[in-house]
Structure formats: C-alpha cells, structure tokens
C-alpha cells in the first residue's frame, strides 16, 4: 500500500516534466509569464548592484545568484503568500521572488538600521518572516529548520508548504539525508529544490556518489523529478505539482533544477559573450516571449530601464539609512531583555 501511494505522485511529476515546452507555456496565464519576466529582470538588476558593492569592498561574505533567476522566480511563483521559503548560500533571488523588499534587503546587506534585521544579520543571516522568508543558510543548516517548520504546520493543521532551496554543499551532507528521511516518514509538507549548477566546479560534488542526486530520491521514499532549471515555466510547473501533492498530505518532493548559469553575467575570463547569452535564462525566456507575441523589443528595453532605475533608487535609499544605534545592540536577540553587566564601546571610563 505504501509503495502504491508513493508511485502515484512520482508518475504525476514525471508526466509534468515530460510535457512539451509549448504545452507548458500554453497552460500558464500570459499575465504570469510577463510577471515572471519582470521579476527575473529585477533580480538581475539587484544582484548587479550587490556585485558593485562587493567590488567597492563595502559588502563581503556574499554569494550572488545572477544567472539563476529562473529557478527562484519559477519556484516561488508556485507558492502562496503564507508559504515559507528556506534559502541557501545564494539567497537574494529567492527572497526577492518571495516578495521581500529590495530596499530592506540592501539595507541589511549594508548593516543599516532599516534592514530586514535592523542591520544585525548582515549578508549571512537574511530573513523576513512577514513574507515567509525564514532565512538563508550555509550548507545543510537550513534543511532541518525547513523540516521543523513543515512539522509545525502539519501539527497545527495550517494549510501551508515549506520550500527549501539546496546547493551542492547541502545535497551531499548528512543533514539532507536526515531531513529527507524525517520528511518522508512524517509525510511533511516540504518541497526540496536542488539548484544543480552544472558549470560550477567545486569540491562539494566529491561528497556524493551520484552525479544526479535525484536518482536517490526513491531510496529516501520521496517523490522526485529533474527539470530544466533555466526554464522558469518548467520549474513553476514541477514545483506547483509538488506543492499540490504536499498540501494534499502526500509528503515531500525533491526537484532537481539543472542549469548552466552564465558566468558572463558577472564577467569571468574564458567565457565569450555569445556563450553567456546562450545560457542566460533571461535572454532565453525573452526570446520565447517575443515568439509568443507577449514581449516586444520596446517592452524589453522599457522593463530593463525601469529595473535599473528602481535598483539605483533602492541602493541610494539603503546607503542613506542610518547605522543601528549602539544602545539597540541586544534588542530583539532574546525573548526577554538581558541584564547587561558589561560596558559597551564608548561607555568605558578613559
């Protein structure tokens, strides 16, 4: 009986993944396709501003997600406002796609009082519970938190789903195996989205025996499917199917979004402009929308210009915000105020 229940969602997801590109596009509302495109452009503009801050030396310790906008936008477009998102080491696109304010996000990166966490989290701990963004975590740290949030939702009978983004670093660590097993055991409403960057050389791939971890999904007892991660519509449909299954009580899923993000977005030696454009999900999606008659060259220029102007205005606003007050250093860190028994800088005698 258990095997039968698992096989049904596997077939459903595989059927969704095998639909042709034309069928997938036709089944998505034209307005949503335009919204997806605009969101991808805005995320790219945001990341390029952050890249500038890194170059200035103003911001450190960040990993950018430029070239991966299709996964963030496609996946988060399948969620409701009340659903949760757990991010990985490259959280900016995920948070923006979930509705987090770019101004508050930039302010947090710059350690300003008007940031998401009043400047106390910085680039490493980015969260906005009001928009369901629980935070960005390194490695597999966030996976067990995702499972805990899904268990809480199930226990309290709340109709929400937790979406957890995984990186190469997370997929090969013990925390993922533990999270996947517990989620399957409890049939928790969690969807794991693994961003498999095929062109990203790193040592983390040596942590696992399989080239494509999706092949191990049946061993954990969870539903799994691989999709073209450069196609926001394919990601949207696969995640949408998985989210629907999770809401219906059918447990977790693993979506492996395979893509080759162009490092030419943030120039890297050895990659030509032609290669970068060929793999750029924004360029590819714009071409498809033009073919469908949903995007003109004039529209494309206008959207890009507005995104640049908005990003510049957001960055100027974030730069102008004040730094946190020293007296607020310990505020919001604990449930109850702590008894501060040592002086802060500036309060010492002499």
Protein backbone atom coordinates (compact mmCIF):
# COMPACT_ATOMS: atom_id res chain seq x y z
CA UNK A 1 0.00 0.00 0.00
CA UNK A 2 2.80 2.43 0.86
CA UNK A 3 4.56 1.68 -2.43
CA UNK A 4 1.35 2.39 -4.34
CA UNK A 5 0.87 5.72 -2.61
CA UNK A 6 4.43 6.77 -3.46
CA UNK A 7 4.23 5.73 -7.11
CA UNK A 8 1.22 7.91 -7.91
CA UNK A 9 2.91 11.27 -7.21
CA UNK A 10 6.09 10.08 -8.97
CA UNK A 11 4.10 9.45 -12.15
CA UNK A 12 2.32 12.79 -11.82
CA UNK A 13 5.56 14.71 -11.56
CA UNK A 14 7.23 12.78 -14.37
CA UNK A 15 4.25 13.46 -16.60
CA UNK A 16 4.53 17.18 -15.84
CA UNK A 17 8.25 17.14 -16.62
CA UNK A 18 7.73 15.36 -19.94
CA UNK A 19 5.17 17.82 -21.30
CA UNK A 20 6.49 19.75 -24.26
CA UNK A 21 7.64 23.32 -23.86
CA UNK A 22 4.73 24.59 -25.96
CA UNK A 23 2.17 22.78 -23.82
CA UNK A 24 3.73 24.10 -20.65
CA UNK A 25 3.74 27.67 -21.90
CA UNK A 26 0.16 27.41 -23.16
CA UNK A 27 -1.04 26.22 -19.76
CA UNK A 28 0.37 29.24 -17.90
CA UNK A 29 -1.51 32.51 -17.89
CA UNK A 30 0.02 35.18 -20.16
CA UNK A 31 -0.03 37.71 -17.33
CA UNK A 32 2.01 35.37 -15.12
CA UNK A 33 4.57 34.88 -17.88
CA UNK A 34 5.06 38.65 -18.07
CA UNK A 35 5.30 38.90 -14.29
CA UNK A 36 7.92 36.16 -14.24
CA UNK A 37 9.98 38.02 -16.82
CA UNK A 38 9.82 41.32 -14.93
CA UNK A 39 10.78 39.62 -11.66
CA UNK A 40 13.77 37.95 -13.29
CA UNK A 41 14.95 41.29 -14.69
CA UNK A 42 14.57 42.99 -11.29
CA UNK A 43 16.52 40.26 -9.51
CA UNK A 44 19.34 40.55 -12.07
CA UNK A 45 19.46 44.33 -11.59
CA UNK A 46 19.59 43.83 -7.83
CA UNK A 47 22.43 41.33 -7.99
CA UNK A 48 24.47 43.55 -10.27
CA UNK A 49 24.19 46.37 -7.70
CA UNK A 50 25.32 43.99 -4.97
CA UNK A 51 28.23 42.94 -7.20
CA UNK A 52 29.18 46.61 -7.35
CA UNK A 53 29.11 46.83 -3.55
CA UNK A 54 31.38 43.80 -3.35
CA UNK A 55 33.77 45.41 -5.81
CA UNK A 56 33.80 48.56 -3.66
CA UNK A 57 34.63 46.47 -0.63
CA UNK A 58 31.51 47.72 1.15
CA UNK A 59 29.88 44.28 1.34
CA UNK A 60 31.69 40.99 1.92
CA UNK A 61 30.69 37.39 2.52
CA UNK A 62 28.01 37.19 -0.18
CA UNK A 63 27.41 34.71 -2.99
CA UNK A 64 25.43 36.05 -5.91
CA UNK A 65 22.66 34.24 -7.77
CA UNK A 66 22.85 36.10 -11.09
CA UNK A 67 22.04 33.60 -13.84
CA UNK A 68 19.78 31.54 -11.56
CA UNK A 69 16.75 33.85 -11.61
CA UNK A 70 14.67 31.27 -13.47
CA UNK A 71 14.73 28.85 -10.53
CA UNK A 72 13.91 31.46 -7.89
CA UNK A 73 11.06 33.03 -9.85
CA UNK A 74 9.63 29.79 -11.21
CA UNK A 75 9.61 28.08 -7.82
CA UNK A 76 8.31 30.98 -5.73
CA UNK A 77 5.57 31.74 -8.28
CA UNK A 78 4.03 28.38 -7.33
CA UNK A 79 3.68 29.41 -3.67
CA UNK A 80 1.07 31.28 -1.68
CA UNK A 81 1.91 34.33 0.43
CA UNK A 82 1.67 32.31 3.64
CA UNK A 83 4.05 29.58 2.47
CA UNK A 84 7.62 29.52 3.79
CA UNK A 85 10.94 29.66 1.95
CA UNK A 86 14.27 28.45 3.32
CA UNK A 87 17.20 29.60 1.23
CA UNK A 88 20.82 28.58 0.73
CA UNK A 89 24.14 30.44 0.38
CA UNK A 90 22.74 32.48 -2.52
CA UNK A 91 19.51 33.78 -1.03
CA UNK A 92 18.91 37.16 -2.70
CA UNK A 93 16.90 35.90 -5.68
CA UNK A 94 14.81 33.57 -3.53
CA UNK A 95 13.92 36.32 -1.07
CA UNK A 96 13.08 38.85 -3.78
CA UNK A 97 10.95 36.30 -5.65
CA UNK A 98 9.03 35.65 -2.41
CA UNK A 99 8.19 39.36 -2.13
CA UNK A 100 10.86 40.68 0.22
CA UNK A 101 11.55 44.41 -0.17
CA UNK A 102 14.75 45.05 -2.18
CA UNK A 103 15.31 48.21 -0.16
CA UNK A 104 15.17 46.41 3.17
CA UNK A 105 17.37 43.65 1.77
CA UNK A 106 20.00 46.12 0.55
CA UNK A 107 19.86 47.98 3.84
CA UNK A 108 20.55 44.74 5.70
CA UNK A 109 23.50 43.96 3.44
CA UNK A 110 24.86 47.41 4.32
CA UNK A 111 24.21 46.86 8.07
CA UNK A 112 21.66 49.67 8.31
CA UNK A 113 19.01 50.14 10.97
CA UNK A 114 16.24 49.89 8.36
CA UNK A 115 17.42 46.49 7.17
CA UNK A 116 15.46 43.26 7.47
CA UNK A 117 17.03 42.56 10.86
CA UNK A 118 17.88 46.14 11.77
CA UNK A 119 21.37 45.61 10.44
CA UNK A 120 22.18 42.81 12.90
CA UNK A 121 22.03 39.90 10.47
CA UNK A 122 24.11 41.31 7.64
CA UNK A 123 24.78 39.30 4.46
CA UNK A 124 24.97 35.98 6.30
CA UNK A 125 21.55 35.87 8.01
CA UNK A 126 18.83 37.29 5.78
CA UNK A 127 15.25 36.70 6.86
CA UNK A 128 11.83 38.33 6.57
CA UNK A 129 9.18 36.28 8.39
CA UNK A 130 6.45 38.69 7.24
CA UNK A 131 6.96 37.41 3.71
CA UNK A 132 7.58 33.79 4.70
CA UNK A 133 11.35 34.06 4.18
CA UNK A 134 12.81 32.21 7.16
CA UNK A 135 16.44 32.78 6.15
CA UNK A 136 19.45 31.88 4.07
CA UNK A 137 21.69 29.14 5.44
CA UNK A 138 25.07 27.72 4.56
CA UNK A 139 25.35 24.05 3.69
CA UNK A 140 22.57 21.91 5.10
CA UNK A 141 21.90 24.07 8.14
CA UNK A 142 18.53 25.23 6.89
CA UNK A 143 17.17 21.84 5.86
CA UNK A 144 16.30 20.63 9.33
CA UNK A 145 14.78 24.03 10.06
CA UNK A 146 12.65 23.57 6.94
CA UNK A 147 11.51 20.17 8.18
CA UNK A 148 10.79 21.64 11.61
CA UNK A 149 8.68 24.40 10.05
CA UNK A 150 6.81 21.81 7.97
CA UNK A 151 6.21 19.68 11.08
CA UNK A 152 4.86 22.73 12.92
CA UNK A 153 2.48 23.47 10.05
CA UNK A 154 1.29 19.88 9.99
CA UNK A 155 0.91 19.68 13.78
CA UNK A 156 -1.06 22.94 13.93
CA UNK A 157 -3.07 21.93 10.86
CA UNK A 158 -2.02 25.02 8.92
CA UNK A 159 -2.51 24.86 5.17
CA UNK A 160 0.99 25.87 4.11
CA UNK A 161 4.03 24.38 2.40
CA UNK A 162 7.74 24.90 3.07
CA UNK A 163 10.04 25.32 0.07
CA UNK A 164 13.72 24.65 0.79
CA UNK A 165 16.44 25.55 -1.71
CA UNK A 166 19.54 23.33 -1.70
CA UNK A 167 23.00 23.84 -3.11
CA UNK A 168 25.79 21.40 -3.97
CA UNK A 169 27.14 21.89 -0.47
CA UNK A 170 23.85 20.83 1.11
CA UNK A 171 22.89 17.90 -1.11
CA UNK A 172 25.90 15.82 -0.04
CA UNK A 173 25.78 16.43 3.70
CA UNK A 174 24.20 14.31 6.39
CA UNK A 175 21.62 16.97 7.24
CA UNK A 176 19.88 16.44 3.91
CA UNK A 177 19.63 12.68 4.36
CA UNK A 178 18.20 13.25 7.84
CA UNK A 179 15.78 15.92 6.63
CA UNK A 180 14.59 13.84 3.65
CA UNK A 181 14.07 10.75 5.79
CA UNK A 182 12.15 12.58 8.51
CA UNK A 183 10.02 14.46 5.98
CA UNK A 184 9.12 11.22 4.23
CA UNK A 185 8.46 9.40 7.49
CA UNK A 186 6.04 12.10 8.69
CA UNK A 187 4.73 12.98 5.21
CA UNK A 188 5.59 16.60 5.90
CA UNK A 189 4.55 19.41 3.51
CA UNK A 190 8.05 20.31 2.34
CA UNK A 191 9.48 20.64 -1.17
CA UNK A 192 13.25 20.48 -1.66
CA UNK A 193 14.58 22.35 -4.71
CA UNK A 194 18.17 21.48 -5.57
CA UNK A 195 19.86 24.02 -7.83
CA UNK A 196 22.33 21.84 -9.72
CA UNK A 197 24.80 24.25 -11.31
CA UNK A 198 26.34 22.03 -13.95
CA UNK A 199 29.04 24.54 -14.88
CA UNK A 200 30.04 25.35 -11.31
CA UNK A 201 33.27 23.49 -10.43
CA UNK A 202 33.52 22.81 -6.73
CA UNK A 203 34.78 20.22 -4.29
CA UNK A 204 31.31 19.53 -2.88
CA UNK A 205 30.49 17.24 -5.78
CA UNK A 206 33.04 14.78 -4.39
CA UNK A 207 30.84 14.41 -1.31
CA UNK A 208 28.31 12.27 -3.15
CA UNK A 209 28.39 9.07 -5.15
CA UNK A 210 25.72 10.06 -7.70
CA UNK A 211 26.12 12.68 -10.42
CA UNK A 212 22.40 13.39 -10.22
CA UNK A 213 21.05 13.09 -6.65
CA UNK A 214 17.50 12.88 -7.97
CA UNK A 215 18.27 9.20 -8.64
CA UNK A 216 18.45 8.63 -4.89
CA UNK A 217 15.00 10.09 -4.16
CA UNK A 218 13.18 6.71 -4.21
CA UNK A 219 15.64 5.43 -1.62
CA UNK A 220 14.52 8.16 0.75
CA UNK A 221 10.91 7.38 -0.06
CA UNK A 222 10.21 10.78 -1.58
CA UNK A 223 8.89 11.95 -4.93
CA UNK A 224 11.50 13.34 -7.32
CA UNK A 225 11.85 14.88 -10.76
CA UNK A 226 14.54 16.70 -12.72
CA UNK A 227 13.69 19.81 -14.76
CA UNK A 228 15.43 22.36 -16.94
CA UNK A 229 16.36 24.96 -14.36
CA UNK A 230 16.91 27.64 -16.99
CA UNK A 231 13.19 27.47 -17.86
CA UNK A 232 11.08 29.29 -15.25
CA UNK A 233 7.90 27.71 -16.60
CA UNK A 234 9.26 24.17 -16.25
CA UNK A 235 10.33 24.97 -12.69
CA UNK A 236 6.96 26.56 -11.95
CA UNK A 237 5.02 23.53 -13.15
CA UNK A 238 7.21 20.96 -11.38
CA UNK A 239 7.19 22.87 -8.10
CA UNK A 240 3.48 23.55 -8.49
CA UNK A 241 2.78 19.82 -8.80
CA UNK A 242 4.98 19.10 -5.79
CA UNK A 243 3.33 21.83 -3.72
CA UNK A 244 -0.12 20.49 -4.59
CA UNK A 245 0.92 17.00 -3.51
CA UNK A 246 2.34 18.34 -0.26
CA UNK A 247 -0.85 20.27 0.53
CA UNK A 248 -2.87 17.12 -0.10
CA UNK A 249 -0.89 15.24 2.53
CA UNK A 250 1.26 13.21 0.12
CA UNK A 251 4.54 14.24 1.70
CA UNK A 252 7.79 15.76 0.40
CA UNK A 253 9.30 16.04 -3.07
CA UNK A 254 12.75 16.70 -4.48
CA UNK A 255 13.02 18.91 -7.56
CA UNK A 256 16.42 18.93 -9.24
CA UNK A 257 16.70 22.09 -11.32
CA UNK A 258 19.63 21.60 -13.69
CA UNK A 259 21.10 24.71 -15.26
CA UNK A 260 24.29 26.17 -16.60
CA UNK A 261 24.26 29.76 -15.33
CA UNK A 262 26.39 32.03 -17.48
CA UNK A 263 29.28 33.37 -15.51
CA UNK A 264 29.39 36.09 -18.17
CA UNK A 265 26.61 37.78 -16.21
CA UNK A 266 29.35 38.72 -13.76
CA UNK A 267 32.31 38.57 -16.20
CA UNK A 268 34.71 35.67 -15.89
CA UNK A 269 37.75 35.08 -18.05
CA UNK A 270 37.36 32.38 -20.68
CA UNK A 271 33.65 32.81 -21.41
CA UNK A 272 32.57 34.65 -24.53
CA UNK A 273 29.58 36.98 -24.72
CA UNK A 274 27.93 34.53 -27.12
CA UNK A 275 28.32 31.64 -24.68
CA UNK A 276 26.93 33.76 -21.85
CA UNK A 277 23.85 34.80 -23.83
CA UNK A 278 23.21 31.25 -24.99
CA UNK A 279 22.95 30.06 -21.39
CA UNK A 280 21.38 33.17 -19.90
CA UNK A 281 17.86 32.23 -18.69
CA UNK A 282 16.64 35.81 -19.07
CA UNK A 283 17.76 36.04 -22.69
CA UNK A 284 16.22 32.67 -23.50
CA UNK A 285 12.92 33.48 -21.77
CA UNK A 286 12.71 36.87 -23.52
CA UNK A 287 13.16 35.17 -26.91
CA UNK A 288 10.33 32.77 -26.15
CA UNK A 289 8.01 35.56 -25.02
CA UNK A 290 8.75 37.52 -28.21
CA UNK A 291 7.92 34.42 -30.26
CA UNK A 292 4.60 34.18 -28.43
CA UNK A 293 3.86 37.85 -29.07
CA UNK A 294 3.96 38.67 -25.35
CA UNK A 295 7.08 40.85 -25.43
CA UNK A 296 8.23 43.41 -27.96
CA UNK A 297 11.72 44.83 -28.27
CA UNK A 298 10.35 48.14 -26.97
CA UNK A 299 8.82 46.38 -23.94
CA UNK A 300 12.13 44.65 -23.25
CA UNK A 301 14.06 47.92 -23.30
CA UNK A 302 11.47 49.60 -21.08
CA UNK A 303 11.42 46.80 -18.49
CA UNK A 304 15.22 46.72 -18.28
CA UNK A 305 15.46 50.51 -17.94
CA UNK A 306 12.85 50.63 -15.20
CA UNK A 307 14.57 47.80 -13.36
CA UNK A 308 17.89 49.64 -13.47
CA UNK A 309 16.29 52.87 -12.29
CA UNK A 310 14.46 51.13 -9.44
CA UNK A 311 17.62 49.27 -8.38
CA UNK A 312 19.63 52.51 -8.39
CA UNK A 313 16.95 54.25 -6.32
CA UNK A 314 16.78 51.35 -3.87
CA UNK A 315 20.55 51.35 -3.42
CA UNK A 316 20.65 55.12 -2.92
CA UNK A 317 17.95 54.80 -0.27
CA UNK A 318 19.77 51.97 1.50
CA UNK A 319 23.05 53.91 1.53
CA UNK A 320 21.30 56.88 3.12
CA UNK A 321 19.87 54.92 6.05
CA UNK A 322 21.44 55.30 9.49
CA UNK A 323 23.52 52.65 11.20
CA UNK A 324 21.94 50.83 14.16
CA UNK A 325 22.07 52.65 17.49
CA UNK A 326 24.62 51.16 19.85
CA UNK A 327 22.01 51.07 22.60
CA UNK A 328 19.93 48.64 20.48
CA UNK A 329 22.71 46.09 20.17
CA UNK A 330 20.99 43.47 22.35
CA UNK A 331 17.41 44.30 21.44
CA UNK A 332 15.48 41.53 19.65
CA UNK A 333 18.18 38.95 20.36
CA UNK A 334 16.33 37.29 23.21
CA UNK A 335 12.70 36.88 24.19
CA UNK A 336 13.23 38.83 27.40
CA UNK A 337 15.65 41.75 27.87
CA UNK A 338 19.01 40.66 29.19
CA UNK A 339 20.75 42.11 32.20
CA UNK A 340 23.75 43.81 30.62
CA UNK A 341 26.62 43.63 33.08
CA UNK A 342 29.46 44.93 30.91
CA UNK A 343 30.01 48.34 29.29
CA UNK A 344 29.67 48.90 25.58
CA UNK A 345 32.27 50.67 23.49
CA UNK A 346 32.02 54.36 24.26
CA UNK A 347 30.78 53.75 27.79
CA UNK A 348 34.14 52.77 29.28
CA UNK A 349 35.95 55.19 31.50
CA UNK A 350 39.00 56.80 29.97
